[in-house]
PDB file of N, CA and C in Angstrom:
ATOM      1  N   MET A   1      83.914   6.205  44.082  1.00  0.00           N
ATOM      2  CA  MET A   1      83.393   5.015  44.857  1.00  0.00           C
ATOM      3  C   MET A   1      81.986   5.021  44.503  1.00  0.00           C
ATOM      4  N   GLU A   2      81.534   3.896  44.301  1.00  0.00           N
ATOM      5  CA  GLU A   2      79.996   3.729  44.083  1.00  0.00           C
ATOM      6  C   GLU A   2      79.421   2.913  45.086  1.00  0.00           C
ATOM      7  N   LEU A   3      78.395   3.345  45.936  1.00  0.00           N
ATOM      8  CA  LEU A   3      77.928   2.701  47.010  1.00  0.00           C
ATOM      9  C   LEU A   3      76.513   1.783  46.484  1.00  0.00           C
ATOM     10  N   GLU A   4      76.606   0.572  46.500  1.00  0.00           N
ATOM     11  CA  GLU A   4      75.492  -0.235  46.052  1.00  0.00           C
ATOM     12  C   GLU A   4      74.243  -0.030  46.813  1.00  0.00           C
ATOM     13  N   VAL A   5      74.329   0.304  48.280  1.00  0.00           N
ATOM     14  CA  VAL A   5      73.228   0.415  49.104  1.00  0.00           C
ATOM     15  C   VAL A   5      72.350   1.567  48.651  1.00  0.00           C
ATOM     16  N   PHE A   6      72.940   2.593  47.691  1.00  0.00           N
ATOM     17  CA  PHE A   6      72.010   3.572  47.217  1.00  0.00           C
ATOM     18  C   PHE A   6      71.862   3.450  45.746  1.00  0.00           C
ATOM     19  N   ALA A   7      71.881   2.348  45.236  1.00  0.00           N
ATOM     20  CA  ALA A   7      71.627   1.965  43.913  1.00  0.00           C
ATOM     21  C   ALA A   7      69.983   2.385  43.626  1.00  0.00           C
ATOM     22  N   GLY A   8      69.919   3.329  42.503  1.00  0.00           N
ATOM     23  CA  GLY A   8      68.582   3.660  42.052  1.00  0.00           C
ATOM     24  C   GLY A   8      68.122   4.914  42.798  1.00  0.00           C
ATOM     25  N   GLN A   9      68.833   5.385  43.870  1.00  0.00           N
ATOM     26  CA  GLN A   9      68.430   6.626  44.519  1.00  0.00           C
ATOM     27  C   GLN A   9      69.052   7.869  43.930  1.00  0.00           C
ATOM     28  N   LYS A  10      68.501   9.056  44.199  1.00  0.00           N
ATOM     29  CA  LYS A  10      69.112  10.201  43.574  1.00  0.00           C
ATOM     30  C   LYS A  10      70.005  10.737  44.674  1.00  0.00           C
ATOM     31  N   LYS A  11      71.067  11.118  44.396  1.00  0.00           N
ATOM     32  CA  LYS A  11      72.145  11.498  45.438  1.00  0.00           C
ATOM     33  C   LYS A  11      71.778  12.783  46.037  1.00  0.00           C
ATOM     34  N   SER A  12      70.949  13.592  45.388  1.00  0.00           N
ATOM     35  CA  SER A  12      70.568  14.829  45.925  1.00  0.00           C
ATOM     36  C   SER A  12      69.619  14.705  47.269  1.00  0.00           C
ATOM     37  N   GLU A  13      69.100  13.275  47.226  1.00  0.00           N
ATOM     38  CA  GLU A  13      68.056  13.002  48.458  1.00  0.00           C
ATOM     39  C   GLU A  13      68.724  12.418  49.740  1.00  0.00           C
ATOM     40  N   LEU A  14      70.007  12.278  49.590  1.00  0.00           N
ATOM     41  CA  LEU A  14      70.842  11.340  50.548  1.00  0.00           C
ATOM     42  C   LEU A  14      71.436  12.569  51.630  1.00  0.00           C
ATOM     43  N   SER A  15      71.399  12.100  52.887  1.00  0.00           N
ATOM     44  CA  SER A  15      72.148  13.103  53.679  1.00  0.00           C
ATOM     45  C   SER A  15      73.458  12.672  53.901  1.00  0.00           C
ATOM     46  N   MET A  16      74.320  13.459  54.324  1.00  0.00           N
ATOM     47  CA  MET A  16      75.866  13.167  54.584  1.00  0.00           C
ATOM     48  C   MET A  16      76.065  12.169  55.511  1.00  0.00           C
ATOM     49  N   VAL A  17      75.128  12.002  56.499  1.00  0.00           N
ATOM     50  CA  VAL A  17      75.290  10.924  57.551  1.00  0.00           C
ATOM     51  C   VAL A  17      75.097   9.527  56.991  1.00  0.00           C
ATOM     52  N   GLU A  18      74.154   9.444  56.093  1.00  0.00           N
ATOM     53  CA  GLU A  18      73.808   8.152  55.422  1.00  0.00           C
ATOM     54  C   GLU A  18      75.030   7.683  54.679  1.00  0.00           C
ATOM     55  N   VAL A  19      75.566   8.729  53.983  1.00  0.00           N
ATOM     56  CA  VAL A  19      76.638   8.423  53.009  1.00  0.00           C
ATOM     57  C   VAL A  19      77.889   7.954  53.745  1.00  0.00           C
ATOM     58  N   ALA A  20      78.065   8.593  54.973  1.00  0.00           N
ATOM     59  CA  ALA A  20      79.143   8.409  55.718  1.00  0.00           C
ATOM     60  C   ALA A  20      78.958   7.037  56.523  1.00  0.00           C
ATOM     61  N   ARG A  21      77.811   6.548  56.908  1.00  0.00           N
ATOM     62  CA  ARG A  21      77.687   5.253  57.494  1.00  0.00           C
ATOM     63  C   ARG A  21      78.005   4.264  56.165  1.00  0.00           C
ATOM     64  N   ALA A  22      77.451   4.353  54.993  1.00  0.00           N
ATOM     65  CA  ALA A  22      77.593   3.486  53.897  1.00  0.00           C
ATOM     66  C   ALA A  22      79.169   3.367  53.538  1.00  0.00           C
ATOM     67  N   ILE A  23      79.839   4.540  53.548  1.00  0.00           N
ATOM     68  CA  ILE A  23      81.294   4.538  53.178  1.00  0.00           C
ATOM     69  C   ILE A  23      81.926   3.572  54.378  1.00  0.00           C
ATOM     70  N   LEU A  24      81.812   3.927  55.568  1.00  0.00           N
ATOM     71  CA  LEU A  24      82.537   3.189  56.714  1.00  0.00           C
ATOM     72  C   LEU A  24      82.186   1.736  56.522  1.00  0.00           C
ATOM     73  N   GLU A  25      80.870   1.470  56.443  1.00  0.00           N
ATOM     74  CA  GLU A  25      80.414   0.083  56.199  1.00  0.00           C
ATOM     75  C   GLU A  25      81.269  -0.687  55.198  1.00  0.00           C
ATOM     76  N   GLU A  26      81.465   0.061  54.110  1.00  0.00           N
ATOM     77  CA  GLU A  26      81.992  -0.507  52.736  1.00  0.00           C
ATOM     78  C   GLU A  26      83.362  -0.562  53.002  1.00  0.00           C
ATOM     79  N   CYS A  27      84.188   0.234  53.647  1.00  0.00           N
ATOM     80  CA  CYS A  27      85.570   0.152  53.858  1.00  0.00           C
ATOM     81  C   CYS A  27      85.817  -0.911  54.820  1.00  0.00           C
ATOM     82  N   GLY A  28      84.989  -1.188  55.814  1.00  0.00           N
ATOM     83  CA  GLY A  28      85.163  -2.416  56.829  1.00  0.00           C
ATOM     84  C   GLY A  28      85.837  -2.009  58.102  1.00  0.00           C
ATOM     85  N   ARG A  29      85.741  -2.955  58.994  1.00  0.00           N
ATOM     86  CA  ARG A  29      86.028  -2.877  60.267  1.00  0.00           C
ATOM     87  C   ARG A  29      87.313  -2.294  60.618  1.00  0.00           C
ATOM     88  N   ASP A  30      88.456  -2.594  59.864  1.00  0.00           N
ATOM     89  CA  ASP A  30      89.744  -2.124  60.240  1.00  0.00           C
ATOM     90  C   ASP A  30      90.152  -0.912  59.560  1.00  0.00           C
ATOM     91  N   HIS A  31      89.256  -0.166  59.084  1.00  0.00           N
ATOM     92  CA  HIS A  31      89.578   1.055  58.204  1.00  0.00           C
ATOM     93  C   HIS A  31      88.706   2.249  58.748  1.00  0.00           C
ATOM     94  N   GLU A  32      89.103   2.561  60.035  1.00  0.00           N
ATOM     95  CA  GLU A  32      88.641   3.850  60.416  1.00  0.00           C
ATOM     96  C   GLU A  32      89.065   5.029  59.461  1.00  0.00           C
ATOM     97  N   MET A  33      88.402   6.106  59.541  1.00  0.00           N
ATOM     98  CA  MET A  33      88.754   7.355  58.875  1.00  0.00           C
ATOM     99  C   MET A  33      88.874   8.508  59.548  1.00  0.00           C
ATOM    100  N   TYR A  34      89.882   9.280  59.021  1.00  0.00           N
ATOM    101  CA  TYR A  34      90.004  10.713  59.468  1.00  0.00           C
ATOM    102  C   TYR A  34      88.704  11.503  58.890  1.00  0.00           C
ATOM    103  N   PHE A  35      88.337  12.317  59.922  1.00  0.00           N
ATOM    104  CA  PHE A  35      87.213  13.261  59.450  1.00  0.00           C
ATOM    105  C   PHE A  35      87.323  13.776  58.244  1.00  0.00           C
ATOM    106  N   SER A  36      88.418  14.386  57.850  1.00  0.00           N
ATOM    107  CA  SER A  36      88.582  15.031  56.578  1.00  0.00           C
ATOM    108  C   SER A  36      88.601  14.077  55.396  1.00  0.00           C
ATOM    109  N   ASP A  37      89.079  12.995  55.580  1.00  0.00           N
ATOM    110  CA  ASP A  37      89.038  11.918  54.480  1.00  0.00           C
ATOM    111  C   ASP A  37      87.729  11.518  54.442  1.00  0.00           C
ATOM    112  N   LEU A  38      86.875  11.394  55.332  1.00  0.00           N
ATOM    113  CA  LEU A  38      85.461  10.937  55.419  1.00  0.00           C
ATOM    114  C   LEU A  38      84.760  12.089  54.556  1.00  0.00           C
ATOM    115  N   VAL A  39      84.847  13.371  54.913  1.00  0.00           N
ATOM    116  CA  VAL A  39      84.228  14.300  54.301  1.00  0.00           C
ATOM    117  C   VAL A  39      84.470  14.451  52.806  1.00  0.00           C
ATOM    118  N   ASN A  40      85.907  14.275  52.536  1.00  0.00           N
ATOM    119  CA  ASN A  40      86.140  14.121  51.132  1.00  0.00           C
ATOM    120  C   ASN A  40      85.533  13.189  50.287  1.00  0.00           C
ATOM    121  N   GLU A  41      85.253  12.044  50.987  1.00  0.00           N
ATOM    122  CA  GLU A  41      84.642  10.803  50.223  1.00  0.00           C
ATOM    123  C   GLU A  41      83.202  11.210  49.925  1.00  0.00           C
ATOM    124  N   ILE A  42      82.662  11.841  50.880  1.00  0.00           N
ATOM    125  CA  ILE A  42      81.046  12.187  50.852  1.00  0.00           C
ATOM    126  C   ILE A  42      81.052  13.204  49.918  1.00  0.00           C
ATOM    127  N   GLN A  43      81.865  14.202  49.805  1.00  0.00           N
ATOM    128  CA  GLN A  43      81.637  15.181  48.880  1.00  0.00           C
ATOM    129  C   GLN A  43      81.838  14.695  47.541  1.00  0.00           C
ATOM    130  N   ASN A  44      82.844  13.677  47.226  1.00  0.00           N
ATOM    131  CA  ASN A  44      82.989  13.026  45.865  1.00  0.00           C
ATOM    132  C   ASN A  44      81.870  12.307  45.381  1.00  0.00           C
ATOM    133  N   TYR A  45      81.311  11.548  46.527  1.00  0.00           N
ATOM    134  CA  TYR A  45      80.090  10.728  46.099  1.00  0.00           C
ATOM    135  C   TYR A  45      78.891  11.636  45.706  1.00  0.00           C
ATOM    136  N   LEU A  46      78.594  12.577  46.733  1.00  0.00           N
ATOM    137  CA  LEU A  46      77.485  13.436  46.418  1.00  0.00           C
ATOM    138  C   LEU A  46      77.570  14.434  45.392  1.00  0.00           C
ATOM    139  N   GLU A  47      78.809  14.646  44.813  1.00  0.00           N
ATOM    140  CA  GLU A  47      79.159  15.550  44.009  1.00  0.00           C
ATOM    141  C   GLU A  47      78.826  17.020  44.308  1.00  0.00           C
ATOM    142  N   LYS A  48      79.289  17.306  45.491  1.00  0.00           N
ATOM    143  CA  LYS A  48      78.801  18.709  46.030  1.00  0.00           C
ATOM    144  C   LYS A  48      80.030  19.620  45.903  1.00  0.00           C
ATOM    145  N   SER A  49      79.804  21.032  45.713  1.00  0.00           N
ATOM    146  CA  SER A  49      80.724  21.930  45.668  1.00  0.00           C
ATOM    147  C   SER A  49      81.545  22.007  47.078  1.00  0.00           C
ATOM    148  N   ASP A  50      82.615  22.710  47.010  1.00  0.00           N
ATOM    149  CA  ASP A  50      83.250  22.939  48.217  1.00  0.00           C
ATOM    150  C   ASP A  50      82.710  23.940  49.259  1.00  0.00           C
ATOM    151  N   SER A  51      81.936  24.891  48.475  1.00  0.00           N
ATOM    152  CA  SER A  51      81.236  25.895  49.343  1.00  0.00           C
ATOM    153  C   SER A  51      79.942  25.022  50.062  1.00  0.00           C
ATOM    154  N   ASP A  52      79.334  24.170  49.405  1.00  0.00           N
ATOM    155  CA  ASP A  52      78.245  23.482  49.818  1.00  0.00           C
ATOM    156  C   ASP A  52      78.568  22.639  51.188  1.00  0.00           C
ATOM    157  N   ILE A  53      79.777  21.996  50.829  1.00  0.00           N
ATOM    158  CA  ILE A  53      80.350  21.180  52.045  1.00  0.00           C
ATOM    159  C   ILE A  53      80.756  21.822  53.117  1.00  0.00           C
ATOM    160  N   ARG A  54      81.482  23.091  52.983  1.00  0.00           N
ATOM    161  CA  ARG A  54      81.724  23.977  54.046  1.00  0.00           C
ATOM    162  C   ARG A  54      80.613  24.499  54.822  1.00  0.00           C
ATOM    163  N   GLU A  55      79.566  24.623  54.188  1.00  0.00           N
ATOM    164  CA  GLU A  55      78.186  25.204  54.821  1.00  0.00           C
ATOM    165  C   GLU A  55      77.696  24.047  55.673  1.00  0.00           C
ATOM    166  N   SER A  56      77.715  22.736  55.129  1.00  0.00           N
ATOM    167  CA  SER A  56      77.225  21.682  55.859  1.00  0.00           C
ATOM    168  C   SER A  56      78.035  20.945  56.893  1.00  0.00           C
ATOM    169  N   LEU A  57      79.339  21.446  57.135  1.00  0.00           N
ATOM    170  CA  LEU A  57      80.336  20.771  57.930  1.00  0.00           C
ATOM    171  C   LEU A  57      79.826  20.792  59.419  1.00  0.00           C
ATOM    172  N   PRO A  58      79.443  22.064  59.927  1.00  0.00           N
ATOM    173  CA  PRO A  58      78.986  21.893  61.409  1.00  0.00           C
ATOM    174  C   PRO A  58      77.730  21.251  61.700  1.00  0.00           C
ATOM    175  N   PHE A  59      76.933  21.040  60.635  1.00  0.00           N
ATOM    176  CA  PHE A  59      75.583  20.301  60.932  1.00  0.00           C
ATOM    177  C   PHE A  59      76.042  18.801  60.940  1.00  0.00           C
ATOM    178  N   PHE A  60      76.754  18.357  59.960  1.00  0.00           N
ATOM    179  CA  PHE A  60      77.312  17.035  59.741  1.00  0.00           C
ATOM    180  C   PHE A  60      78.163  16.486  60.931  1.00  0.00           C
ATOM    181  N   TYR A  61      79.064  17.413  61.495  1.00  0.00           N
ATOM    182  CA  TYR A  61      79.994  16.987  62.693  1.00  0.00           C
ATOM    183  C   TYR A  61      78.879  16.985  63.849  1.00  0.00           C
ATOM    184  N   ALA A  62      78.130  17.706  63.982  1.00  0.00           N
ATOM    185  CA  ALA A  62      77.092  17.619  65.088  1.00  0.00           C
ATOM    186  C   ALA A  62      76.259  16.227  64.826  1.00  0.00           C
ATOM    187  N   ASP A  63      75.722  15.997  63.793  1.00  0.00           N
ATOM    188  CA  ASP A  63      75.083  14.769  63.475  1.00  0.00           C
ATOM    189  C   ASP A  63      75.899  13.550  63.853  1.00  0.00           C
ATOM    190  N   LEU A  64      77.083  13.277  63.412  1.00  0.00           N
ATOM    191  CA  LEU A  64      78.066  12.479  63.726  1.00  0.00           C
ATOM    192  C   LEU A  64      78.030  12.138  65.279  1.00  0.00           C
ATOM    193  N   ASN A  65      78.159  13.172  66.083  1.00  0.00           N
ATOM    194  CA  ASN A  65      78.213  13.034  67.467  1.00  0.00           C
ATOM    195  C   ASN A  65      76.777  12.618  68.109  1.00  0.00           C
ATOM    196  N   VAL A  66      75.823  12.948  67.521  1.00  0.00           N
ATOM    197  CA  VAL A  66      74.369  12.598  68.098  1.00  0.00           C
ATOM    198  C   VAL A  66      73.861  11.279  67.607  1.00  0.00           C
ATOM    199  N   ASP A  67      74.343  10.949  66.260  1.00  0.00           N
ATOM    200  CA  ASP A  67      74.019   9.631  65.901  1.00  0.00           C
ATOM    201  C   ASP A  67      74.780   8.456  66.578  1.00  0.00           C
ATOM    202  N   GLY A  68      73.894   7.703  67.161  1.00  0.00           N
ATOM    203  CA  GLY A  68      74.574   6.553  68.040  1.00  0.00           C
ATOM    204  C   GLY A  68      75.272   5.536  67.176  1.00  0.00           C
ATOM    205  N   SER A  69      75.308   5.579  65.825  1.00  0.00           N
ATOM    206  CA  SER A  69      75.966   4.506  65.282  1.00  0.00           C
ATOM    207  C   SER A  69      77.555   4.823  64.818  1.00  0.00           C
ATOM    208  N   PHE A  70      77.953   6.045  65.040  1.00  0.00           N
ATOM    209  CA  PHE A  70      79.330   6.471  64.872  1.00  0.00           C
ATOM    210  C   PHE A  70      79.959   6.686  66.144  1.00  0.00           C
ATOM    211  N   ILE A  71      81.482   6.468  66.179  1.00  0.00           N
ATOM    212  CA  ILE A  71      82.129   6.679  67.378  1.00  0.00           C
ATOM    213  C   ILE A  71      83.588   7.061  67.170  1.00  0.00           C
ATOM    214  N   PRO A  72      83.866   8.246  67.913  1.00  0.00           N
ATOM    215  CA  PRO A  72      85.253   8.862  67.607  1.00  0.00           C
ATOM    216  C   PRO A  72      86.304   7.927  68.210  1.00  0.00           C
ATOM    217  N   LEU A  73      87.303   7.810  67.483  1.00  0.00           N
ATOM    218  CA  LEU A  73      88.380   6.831  67.875  1.00  0.00           C
ATOM    219  C   LEU A  73      89.568   7.556  68.388  1.00  0.00           C
ATOM    220  N   GLY A  74      89.455   8.905  68.464  1.00  0.00           N
ATOM    221  CA  GLY A  74      90.710   9.665  68.822  1.00  0.00           C
ATOM    222  C   GLY A  74      91.505  10.031  67.453  1.00  0.00           C
ATOM    223  N   ASP A  75      92.207  10.995  67.718  1.00  0.00           N
ATOM    224  CA  ASP A  75      92.956  11.687  66.601  1.00  0.00           C
ATOM    225  C   ASP A  75      92.170  12.019  65.480  1.00  0.00           C
ATOM    226  N   ASN A  76      90.867  12.394  65.743  1.00  0.00           N
ATOM    227  CA  ASN A  76      89.968  12.859  64.791  1.00  0.00           C
ATOM    228  C   ASN A  76      89.537  11.864  63.815  1.00  0.00           C
ATOM    229  N   LYS A  77      89.687  10.618  64.113  1.00  0.00           N
ATOM    230  CA  LYS A  77      89.329   9.272  63.403  1.00  0.00           C
ATOM    231  C   LYS A  77      87.894   8.862  63.838  1.00  0.00           C
ATOM    232  N   TRP A  78      87.306   8.325  62.992  1.00  0.00           N
ATOM    233  CA  TRP A  78      85.747   7.977  63.010  1.00  0.00           C
ATOM    234  C   TRP A  78      85.656   6.464  62.656  1.00  0.00           C
ATOM    235  N   GLY A  79      84.854   5.646  63.272  1.00  0.00           N
ATOM    236  CA  GLY A  79      84.423   4.371  62.969  1.00  0.00           C
ATOM    237  C   GLY A  79      82.924   4.170  63.161  1.00  0.00           C
ATOM    238  N   LEU A  80      82.471   2.904  63.086  1.00  0.00           N
ATOM    239  CA  LEU A  80      81.180   2.666  63.461  1.00  0.00           C
ATOM    240  C   LEU A  80      81.022   1.811  64.832  1.00  0.00           C
ATOM    241  N   ARG A  81      80.104   2.187  65.557  1.00  0.00           N
ATOM    242  CA  ARG A  81      79.880   1.618  66.882  1.00  0.00           C
ATOM    243  C   ARG A  81      79.842   0.074  66.837  1.00  0.00           C
ATOM    244  N   SER A  82      79.211  -0.431  65.663  1.00  0.00           N
ATOM    245  CA  SER A  82      78.950  -1.815  65.597  1.00  0.00           C
ATOM    246  C   SER A  82      80.320  -2.590  65.360  1.00  0.00           C
ATOM    247  N   TRP A  83      81.414  -1.783  65.186  1.00  0.00           N
ATOM    248  CA  TRP A  83      82.674  -2.437  65.029  1.00  0.00           C
ATOM    249  C   TRP A  83      83.184  -3.144  66.212  1.00  0.00           C
TER     250      TRP A  83
END
């Protein structure tokens, strides 16, 4: 998946939350994502190793809960509040 919103930016400078928001925006309103699927998409986009992602997961999950633009939809699915 290539995200046009980040064209010209270094992937190493992007946060997981920024990428999550862009992925959900690109997928669209009717395509909420399971947390694990969202993390996999982020990992693939950022080209991070499994160990790097594992270390980041607690912080990323906390960021999702704190960031007002994300909303849990039950069954560990996530979407955007703007939907």
